[in-house]
Structure formats: C-alpha cells, structure tokens
Protein backbone atom coordinates (compact mmCIF):
# COMPACT_ATOMS: atom_id res chain seq x y z
CA MET A 1 -1.28 -115.64 -11.47
CA ILE A 2 -0.45 -112.54 -9.51
CA LEU A 3 -0.53 -112.65 -5.77
CA LYS A 4 -0.81 -109.26 -4.11
CA LYS A 5 2.09 -108.36 -1.88
CA GLY A 6 1.06 -105.35 0.14
CA ILE A 7 0.51 -105.64 3.86
CA CYS A 8 -0.32 -102.20 5.24
CA LEU A 9 -1.11 -100.95 8.70
CA MET A 10 -4.71 -101.32 9.76
CA VAL A 11 -6.04 -98.47 11.86
CA LEU A 12 -9.47 -99.38 13.16
CA SER A 13 -10.11 -95.91 14.52
CA SER A 14 -9.84 -94.46 11.03
CA MET A 15 -12.62 -96.58 9.57
CA LEU A 16 -15.64 -94.90 8.08
CA LEU A 17 -18.39 -96.16 10.36
CA VAL A 18 -21.87 -96.19 8.88
CA PRO A 19 -24.90 -96.90 11.07
CA THR A 20 -26.83 -100.02 10.16
CA ILE A 21 -30.60 -100.11 10.28
CA ALA A 22 -31.98 -102.81 12.53
CA SER A 23 -33.34 -105.80 10.65
CA ALA A 24 -34.49 -109.33 11.30
CA GLU A 25 -30.84 -110.45 11.29
CA THR A 26 -29.43 -107.68 13.49
CA GLU A 27 -32.19 -106.59 15.86
CA GLY A 28 -31.78 -107.94 19.37
CA SER A 29 -28.41 -109.58 18.63
CA ASN A 30 -24.95 -108.72 19.91
CA ILE A 31 -23.41 -107.76 16.60
CA GLU A 32 -20.95 -105.02 15.72
CA ILE A 33 -21.24 -103.85 12.11
CA GLN A 34 -18.70 -101.55 10.51
CA SER A 35 -18.87 -100.26 6.96
CA GLU A 36 -15.63 -98.91 5.56
CA GLY A 37 -16.16 -96.77 2.50
CA ILE A 38 -19.10 -98.81 1.20
CA LYS A 39 -22.49 -99.76 2.60
CA PRO A 40 -24.36 -102.60 0.88
CA ALA A 41 -28.14 -102.74 0.70
CA GLN A 42 -29.70 -104.02 3.91
CA GLU A 43 -31.04 -107.16 2.25
CA LYS A 44 -27.53 -107.98 0.99
CA LEU A 45 -26.09 -107.48 4.46
CA ASP A 46 -28.83 -109.58 6.05
CA SER A 47 -28.25 -112.36 3.53
CA PHE A 48 -24.52 -112.36 4.28
CA ILE A 49 -25.02 -112.46 8.05
CA SER A 50 -27.54 -115.29 7.75
CA LYS A 51 -25.19 -117.31 5.55
CA ALA A 52 -22.21 -116.63 7.82
CA ARG A 53 -24.13 -117.85 10.87
CA ASN A 54 -25.24 -121.00 9.09
CA LEU A 55 -21.69 -121.72 7.92
CA SER A 56 -20.35 -121.14 11.42
CA GLU A 57 -22.67 -123.80 12.79
CA GLU A 58 -21.98 -126.15 9.89
CA TYR A 59 -18.19 -125.95 10.21
CA SER A 60 -18.27 -126.14 14.00
CA THR A 61 -20.20 -129.41 13.84
CA SER A 62 -17.81 -130.76 11.20
CA ASN A 63 -14.78 -129.73 13.25
CA LYS A 64 -16.04 -131.59 16.31
CA GLN A 65 -16.70 -134.71 14.27
CA GLN A 66 -13.20 -134.66 12.76
CA THR A 67 -11.30 -133.68 15.91
CA ASN A 68 -12.26 -135.76 18.90
CA ASN A 69 -10.78 -133.45 21.52
CA LEU A 70 -12.01 -130.20 19.98
CA ASN A 71 -14.82 -129.88 22.51
CA SER A 72 -12.27 -128.57 25.01
CA ILE A 73 -10.59 -126.16 22.58
CA PRO A 74 -12.00 -122.69 21.82
CA GLU A 75 -13.17 -122.16 18.24
CA THR A 76 -13.21 -119.04 16.10
CA PHE A 77 -14.94 -118.72 12.72
CA ASN A 78 -14.10 -116.20 9.98
CA TYR A 79 -16.02 -115.80 6.74
CA THR A 80 -14.89 -113.53 3.91
CA PHE A 81 -17.23 -113.07 0.96
CA VAL A 82 -16.72 -111.03 -2.20
CA GLU A 83 -19.62 -110.11 -4.44
CA GLY A 84 -18.93 -107.61 -7.18
CA ASP A 85 -17.14 -104.60 -5.72
CA THR A 86 -18.11 -105.36 -2.13
CA GLY A 87 -16.24 -107.41 0.42
CA TYR A 88 -17.81 -108.78 3.60
CA PHE A 89 -16.03 -110.13 6.67
CA TYR A 90 -17.69 -111.97 9.58
CA GLU A 91 -16.10 -113.17 12.78
CA LYS A 92 -17.50 -115.22 15.63
CA SER A 93 -14.80 -115.35 18.26
CA SER A 94 -14.35 -117.72 21.16
CA VAL A 95 -13.56 -114.81 23.50
CA SER A 96 -16.59 -112.62 22.83
CA ALA A 97 -20.36 -113.05 22.80
CA ASP A 98 -20.53 -110.42 20.07
CA GLU A 99 -20.37 -111.07 16.36
CA TYR A 100 -18.30 -108.77 14.19
CA VAL A 101 -19.11 -107.74 10.61
CA LEU A 102 -17.12 -105.50 8.28
CA THR A 103 -18.03 -104.39 4.76
CA TYR A 104 -15.37 -102.85 2.54
CA PRO A 105 -14.69 -102.03 -1.14
CA ILE A 106 -12.82 -104.57 -3.25
CA GLU A 107 -9.89 -103.44 -5.34
CA TYR A 108 -9.59 -105.30 -8.64
CA LEU A 109 -6.05 -105.58 -9.96
CA ALA A 110 -5.50 -105.50 -13.69
CA GLN A 111 -2.57 -107.54 -14.91
CA ASN A 112 -1.01 -104.44 -16.47
CA GLU A 113 -1.50 -102.30 -13.37
CA ILE A 114 1.12 -103.78 -11.05
CA THR A 115 2.55 -100.99 -8.92
CA SER A 116 5.53 -100.64 -6.63
CA ASN A 117 3.61 -101.83 -3.56
CA GLN A 118 2.55 -105.11 -5.12
CA SER A 119 4.50 -108.21 -6.09
CA GLU A 120 3.93 -110.88 -8.66
CA VAL A 121 3.82 -114.64 -8.38
CA THR A 122 3.00 -116.38 -11.62
CA ALA A 123 1.68 -119.90 -11.16
CA ALA A 124 0.52 -120.61 -14.68
CA ALA A 125 1.55 -123.84 -16.35
CA SER A 126 5.03 -122.98 -17.63
CA ASP A 127 8.51 -124.41 -17.29
CA THR A 128 9.72 -122.00 -14.60
CA ILE A 129 8.39 -119.76 -11.85
CA PRO A 130 8.26 -116.27 -13.38
CA SER A 131 8.75 -113.22 -11.15
CA GLY A 132 10.00 -115.29 -8.26
CA ILE A 133 11.45 -118.61 -7.20
CA GLY A 134 9.80 -121.83 -6.11
CA GLY A 135 8.49 -125.19 -7.17
CA ARG A 136 5.26 -126.50 -8.59
CA ALA A 137 3.54 -129.86 -9.02
CA THR A 138 0.29 -130.48 -10.85
CA VAL A 139 -2.44 -133.03 -11.43
CA GLN A 140 -4.08 -132.88 -14.85
CA LYS A 141 -7.67 -133.57 -13.94
CA ASN A 142 -11.18 -132.19 -14.15
CA GLY A 143 -12.52 -132.13 -10.62
CA SER A 144 -14.81 -130.31 -8.22
CA ILE A 145 -13.26 -130.48 -4.74
CA ASN A 146 -9.59 -130.63 -3.76
CA THR A 147 -8.49 -131.36 -0.20
CA PHE A 148 -4.98 -131.49 1.22
CA VAL A 149 -3.01 -130.60 4.33
CA ILE A 150 -0.34 -127.90 4.47
CA ARG A 151 2.30 -128.41 7.14
CA THR A 152 3.58 -124.89 7.62
CA PRO A 153 7.29 -124.63 8.34
CA ALA A 154 8.28 -123.84 11.92
CA THR A 155 10.72 -121.26 10.54
CA THR A 156 11.27 -119.52 7.23
CA THR A 157 13.62 -116.85 5.95
CA GLY A 158 11.26 -115.92 3.15
CA PRO A 159 10.10 -112.29 3.14
CA THR A 160 6.82 -111.32 4.74
CA ALA A 161 3.84 -111.10 2.36
CA ARG A 162 5.91 -112.60 -0.47
CA THR A 163 6.27 -116.21 0.73
CA TYR A 164 3.48 -118.60 -0.22
CA ILE A 165 2.40 -122.22 0.15
CA TYR A 166 -0.75 -122.90 -1.81
CA GLY A 167 -2.84 -124.91 -4.22
CA GLY A 168 -5.41 -123.93 -6.79
CA PHE A 169 -6.54 -124.75 -10.29
CA SER A 170 -6.68 -123.78 -13.94
CA GLY A 171 -10.07 -124.05 -15.57
CA VAL A 172 -13.00 -122.51 -17.39
CA GLY A 173 -15.26 -119.97 -15.73
CA LYS A 174 -17.18 -116.83 -16.62
CA ASP A 175 -16.03 -113.26 -16.93
CA LYS A 176 -17.14 -110.81 -14.24
CA SER A 177 -20.32 -110.00 -16.14
CA GLY A 178 -21.23 -113.70 -16.17
CA THR A 179 -21.79 -113.73 -19.93
CA SER A 180 -18.65 -115.18 -21.56
CA ASN A 181 -16.51 -118.24 -20.90
CA ARG A 182 -12.92 -117.52 -19.92
CA THR A 183 -9.80 -119.50 -19.05
CA ILE A 184 -9.31 -118.66 -15.38
CA GLU A 185 -6.68 -119.26 -12.69
CA ALA A 186 -7.14 -119.56 -8.94
CA ASP A 187 -4.33 -119.50 -6.37
CA MET A 188 -5.65 -120.55 -2.96
CA GLY A 189 -3.71 -121.25 0.21
CA LEU A 190 -1.47 -119.48 2.73
CA VAL A 191 0.87 -116.49 2.78
CA PHE A 192 3.55 -115.86 5.40
CA SER A 193 3.43 -112.69 7.50
CA ASN A 194 5.53 -111.36 10.36
CA ALA A 195 3.49 -108.17 10.71
CA TYR A 196 3.07 -106.87 14.26
CA GLY A 197 6.13 -108.82 15.35
CA VAL A 198 4.59 -112.29 15.21
CA ASN A 199 5.17 -115.00 12.59
CA LYS A 200 2.00 -116.50 11.14
CA TRP A 201 0.42 -117.96 8.01
CA GLN A 202 -2.74 -116.32 6.70
CA PRO A 203 -5.36 -117.48 4.15
CA THR A 204 -5.07 -116.02 0.68
CA ILE A 205 -6.88 -116.22 -2.66
CA ASN A 206 -5.90 -114.64 -5.93
CA TYR A 207 -8.56 -115.22 -8.56
CA TYR A 208 -7.79 -114.25 -12.17
CA TRP A 209 -10.93 -113.68 -14.23
CA GLY A 210 -9.29 -114.47 -17.58
CA SER A 211 -8.68 -111.00 -18.99
CA GLU A 212 -6.69 -107.90 -18.15
CA GLY A 213 -9.88 -105.87 -18.12
CA ASP A 214 -11.48 -107.97 -15.40
CA GLY A 215 -8.16 -108.43 -13.64
CA HIS A 216 -7.65 -110.19 -10.32
CA THR A 217 -9.61 -110.39 -7.08
CA VAL A 218 -7.70 -110.64 -3.81
CA PRO A 219 -10.37 -110.81 -1.06
CA GLY A 220 -7.97 -110.75 1.88
CA ASN A 221 -6.75 -107.22 1.26
CA ARG A 222 -8.68 -104.01 1.55
CA ILE A 223 -7.79 -100.86 -0.31
CA SER A 224 -4.66 -99.14 1.04
CA PRO A 225 -3.90 -97.92 3.69
CA TYR A 226 -5.85 -100.64 5.49
CA ASN A 227 -4.44 -104.03 6.36
CA GLU A 228 -5.59 -107.44 5.25
CA ILE A 229 -8.78 -108.40 7.03
CA TRP A 230 -7.14 -111.09 9.16
CA TYR A 231 -5.05 -108.31 10.75
CA LYS A 232 -2.96 -109.76 13.61
CA ASN A 233 -4.24 -113.31 13.51
CA GLY A 234 -3.05 -116.29 11.50
CA TYR A 235 -2.11 -119.93 11.71
CA VAL A 236 0.69 -121.05 14.03
CA PRO A 237 3.93 -121.96 12.20
CA GLY A 238 4.95 -125.61 12.37
CA LYS A 239 1.38 -126.92 12.47
CA ASP A 240 -0.99 -128.61 10.02
CA VAL A 241 -3.65 -126.57 8.24
CA ASP A 242 -6.47 -128.47 6.52
CA VAL A 243 -7.29 -126.98 3.12
CA THR A 244 -10.40 -127.50 1.00
CA ILE A 245 -10.89 -125.87 -2.40
CA TYR A 246 -14.28 -125.86 -4.11
CA ARG A 247 -14.15 -124.88 -7.75
CA ASN A 248 -17.94 -124.26 -7.86
CA LEU A 249 -20.22 -124.17 -4.86
CA GLY A 250 -23.48 -122.48 -5.78
CA ASN A 251 -21.65 -120.74 -8.67
CA ASN A 252 -19.02 -119.46 -6.23
CA THR A 253 -15.39 -120.47 -5.66
CA ARG A 254 -14.49 -121.21 -2.02
CA LEU A 255 -11.39 -121.82 0.07
CA SER A 256 -11.65 -123.17 3.61
CA THR A 257 -8.69 -123.49 5.95
CA ARG A 258 -8.76 -125.03 9.42
CA GLY A 259 -6.04 -125.20 12.03
CA TYR A 260 -4.59 -123.69 15.19
CA ALA A 261 -4.32 -119.91 15.20
CA LEU A 262 -2.30 -117.53 17.33
CA TYR A 263 -5.28 -115.67 18.74
CA ALA A 264 -9.02 -115.88 19.24
CA ASP A 265 -9.82 -112.93 16.96
CA HIS A 266 -8.35 -110.69 14.28
CA GLU A 267 -7.37 -108.02 16.80
CA GLY A 268 -5.05 -110.35 18.69
CA ASN A 269 -7.20 -111.07 21.74
CA GLY A 270 -7.10 -114.39 23.56
CA THR A 271 -4.66 -117.24 23.00
CA ASN A 272 -4.37 -120.23 20.65
CA THR A 273 -7.72 -121.08 19.08
CA TYR A 274 -8.94 -123.53 16.46
CA LEU A 275 -9.63 -121.21 13.52
CA THR A 276 -11.86 -121.99 10.57
CA ALA A 277 -11.48 -119.38 7.83
CA VAL A 278 -13.76 -119.53 4.79
CA THR A 279 -13.04 -117.25 1.82
CA GLU A 280 -15.47 -117.15 -1.09
CA ILE A 281 -15.75 -115.28 -4.40
CA ALA A 282 -19.24 -115.02 -5.86
CA ASN A 283 -20.38 -115.67 -9.42
CA THR A 284 -17.25 -117.29 -10.84
CA TYR A 285 -19.28 -120.05 -12.55
CA VAL A 286 -16.29 -122.38 -12.90
CA SER A 287 -17.53 -125.29 -15.03
CA SER A 288 -14.37 -127.40 -15.29
CA THR A 289 -10.72 -127.66 -14.33
CA SER A 290 -7.85 -128.69 -16.58
CA SER A 291 -5.32 -129.03 -13.76
CA TRP A 292 -4.81 -128.68 -10.00
CA LYS A 293 -1.58 -127.16 -8.72
CA TYR A 294 0.56 -127.26 -5.56
CA LEU A 295 3.29 -124.71 -4.95
CA ALA A 296 5.73 -123.10 -2.56
CA THR A 297 7.09 -119.79 -3.85
CA ILE A 298 8.89 -116.58 -2.93
CA ALA A 299 7.97 -113.56 -5.02
CA ASP A 300 10.08 -110.73 -6.37
CA THR A 301 9.31 -107.19 -5.39
CA VAL A 302 8.06 -105.04 -8.27
CA VAL A 303 9.15 -101.46 -8.92
CA ASN A 304 7.56 -99.43 -11.71
CA LYS A 305 5.92 -102.62 -12.95
CA VAL A 306 9.28 -104.40 -13.28
CA PRO A 307 10.08 -107.49 -11.15
CA GLN A 308 13.39 -106.86 -9.41
CA GLY A 309 14.67 -110.44 -9.37
CA ASP A 310 15.27 -110.15 -5.63
CA ALA A 311 13.30 -113.19 -4.47
CA ALA A 312 15.47 -114.92 -1.88
CA GLY A 313 15.15 -116.95 1.28
CA GLN A 314 14.21 -120.42 2.36
CA VAL A 315 10.82 -122.04 2.78
CA THR A 316 9.65 -125.63 2.82
CA GLY A 317 6.09 -126.43 1.89
CA ILE A 318 4.69 -129.88 2.66
CA LEU A 319 1.34 -130.57 0.98
CA SER A 320 0.06 -134.00 1.92
CA ASN A 321 -2.90 -136.33 1.41
CA ILE A 322 -3.91 -134.70 -1.86
CA LEU A 323 -7.43 -135.81 -2.80
CA ILE A 324 -9.53 -134.71 -5.75
CA ASP A 325 -13.19 -135.61 -5.35
CA SER A 326 -12.15 -137.92 -2.48
CA SER A 327 -9.69 -139.93 -4.60
CA ALA A 328 -5.92 -139.84 -4.17
CA TYR A 329 -3.81 -138.58 -7.09
CA THR A 330 -0.05 -138.41 -7.53
CA PRO A 331 1.11 -135.00 -8.79
CA VAL A 332 3.91 -134.48 -11.29
CA SER A 333 6.65 -131.89 -10.85
CA ASN A 334 6.55 -129.41 -13.74
CA GLY A 335 8.37 -126.29 -12.63
CA THR A 336 11.31 -125.44 -10.39
CA ASP A 337 13.47 -122.38 -9.87
CA PHE A 338 15.87 -122.58 -6.92
CA ALA A 339 13.66 -125.36 -5.59
CA ASN A 340 13.51 -129.11 -5.17
CA VAL A 341 10.19 -130.94 -5.55
CA THR A 342 9.84 -134.40 -3.99
CA ILE A 343 6.73 -136.48 -4.64
CA SER A 344 5.65 -139.60 -2.78
CA SER A 345 2.24 -140.95 -3.72
CA ASN A 346 -0.25 -138.12 -3.09
CA ASN A 347 2.20 -136.04 -1.06
CA VAL A 348 4.46 -133.19 -2.22
CA THR A 349 7.40 -131.56 -0.46
CA ILE A 350 8.80 -128.37 -2.02
CA LYS A 351 12.05 -126.92 -0.66
CA VAL A 352 12.88 -123.43 -1.89
CA SER A 353 16.29 -121.94 -1.19
CA LYS A 354 18.33 -119.08 -2.60
C-alpha cells in the first residue's frame, strides 16, 4: 500500500467558491458551503448533507453512551465522503452554530505515478516493510468489523506526514467501475503531523483498488496546493483514539476515529474537544477479507519515483483490545524492519527506532 506523504499549505481565501442553490437541506439552515474546483449535482449534495447530519446524531448518541462524562465535554463531528472523483467534507463544531461543507476533486494515485512530493509505505503481506521501516502484525481472518484502540505516543521523532500508526485489511472488492473482482488493500488509521507548529495525529485512509490503472484513493488530501481537509486539527498525542473499520457498510468502506482533539474545528478555533471523524469511500463492494493488519511505520521520501532509504526516527504504536466482529483475536508478528513487535493476547505494541 502507498500512503500519500504530502502536507501542503491550505489557503482558504484561494478557494474557488461556487454559490449553492437553496434546497430542502440548505434553505433556512446555518450552513456554509464551499466548492473548490468541483460542484456536485444538488441532489448529490443534499444527500451528503442529510447523511452527515444523521451520522452526527448517531455518533453523538453513541459517544454519550460509551463515555459517561461526555455530557460536559464539547463534541465536534467530521465526515469525509468520497464518491467517484468528488470528495465531500462536513463539520459540525462545538464552537459554532453553523455547519460547514466543502466539496473538492479527488486525486487518484496510480502505483507507477509516485512523484517527489509523495512517499510510499507498503503494508502488503511480505517479510519486510518496503520503502520504509516499521513493524506489522496480522490476523488471518474473514471479518466485517474491526475495532481497536490506538494509544498515540506522547512524543515521536518520526517525520511529519511520514509516520503512521494504523490498521486495515487485505481482501476482495470491486474495481472502480464496480464490474470486476479485485484483490484490494486498505490502510486505515492515523498519521503524525506537526504542521502549523503543533503536534497531532490525523485520520488517514489509503485504499488501493487492485490495479495500477485504478490506483489509490487518499480522501484526506485535496489536490495540491491545498492541505489535508483536517487542516490544523487532530488528535492529542499521548491519548487513546478509538478506531472502527468497516470493510463493507452499504457497499462502502468506512473508518471512524474518536478521541480528544486539539481544537473544536479544522481551522484551530476553540480548545480540546471530543472529535469523531468518519471517513468513507463509496462503492468499494468489499466481499471478504483474507487478513487484518496492525502497523507502526516511518516512510522513506521518494525522489523521481525512487525511495531514498532515509526513513529514520522513533515511534511507538500501541494497538489494544483488537476485536474482529466483537471477538478477540491474537495477532501474529510477520514483518519487522528496525522495529520490535510485542504481542500480548489481543494487544500489539510496535516500537520503531533507527
């Protein structure tokens, strides 16, 4: 799998703003809608807003049930959705009565189109960690839902945008046209960033569609020169982040992460907030998984499509309470490169150091 490296500056004032026609979903509501370079059909936009609002209520109720004292803590909800070449981002912040919606074009990355501003992390089932360093553990199992907790390290010397702690799966899905079965890979978890002078961990997905032609989808990044959609916000280092991976939810693949964030919105307003971030890729049609994976890695930089072998630093990833379809499974270590993998029951600790 290839995880996209680039974190670029986001300049909100340079966005292409396209007026949105009032509809049943937008009329009379406090909602800011920005379209950057692409404007979906109104019915598509309405459908996304409706789904985002429903998910916000659903996750808020679930959060309160799971966290007894959450009633006194501000909540923020983010929803990122990719359908075809269009990305959608929704935010309901604890510090504003307004909702925020952004639509933007998705950049698909072909495996043979790695450029100098991207880096590669390969998490396929092999003996080492190509194009980087790290450790991996896997569970060989067909399953539908994987839950675990990532304890982010309080400190790391891993490079920004190239240091990852994540899970994911190998399985069978459809190509982008939805017509042919393909062996697919999904990397789903957190990436470290110190952009804007603050350390944080941000949600990330890299979905490989099973062929170089279809390439990879990385929903968290917009086409250069814009920044990842989470911008300044992210999860606080040294805290637990609850992770849920759905291989197929209504024919889509979904990642949800929940934990304490630095700010109340993506622009850096407010203070610590309980952030639920849902990231979803449409029409993947994943029918089965052959294995689930758990990794901590540091990626090489890539120049002229050649990994530079410069991955270095230290990061410790703790992935605990690993459940597949609500049952505990003990992973097996099957790949290390400058890393030590320790497994205890359904818990994995991966220490990477070079």
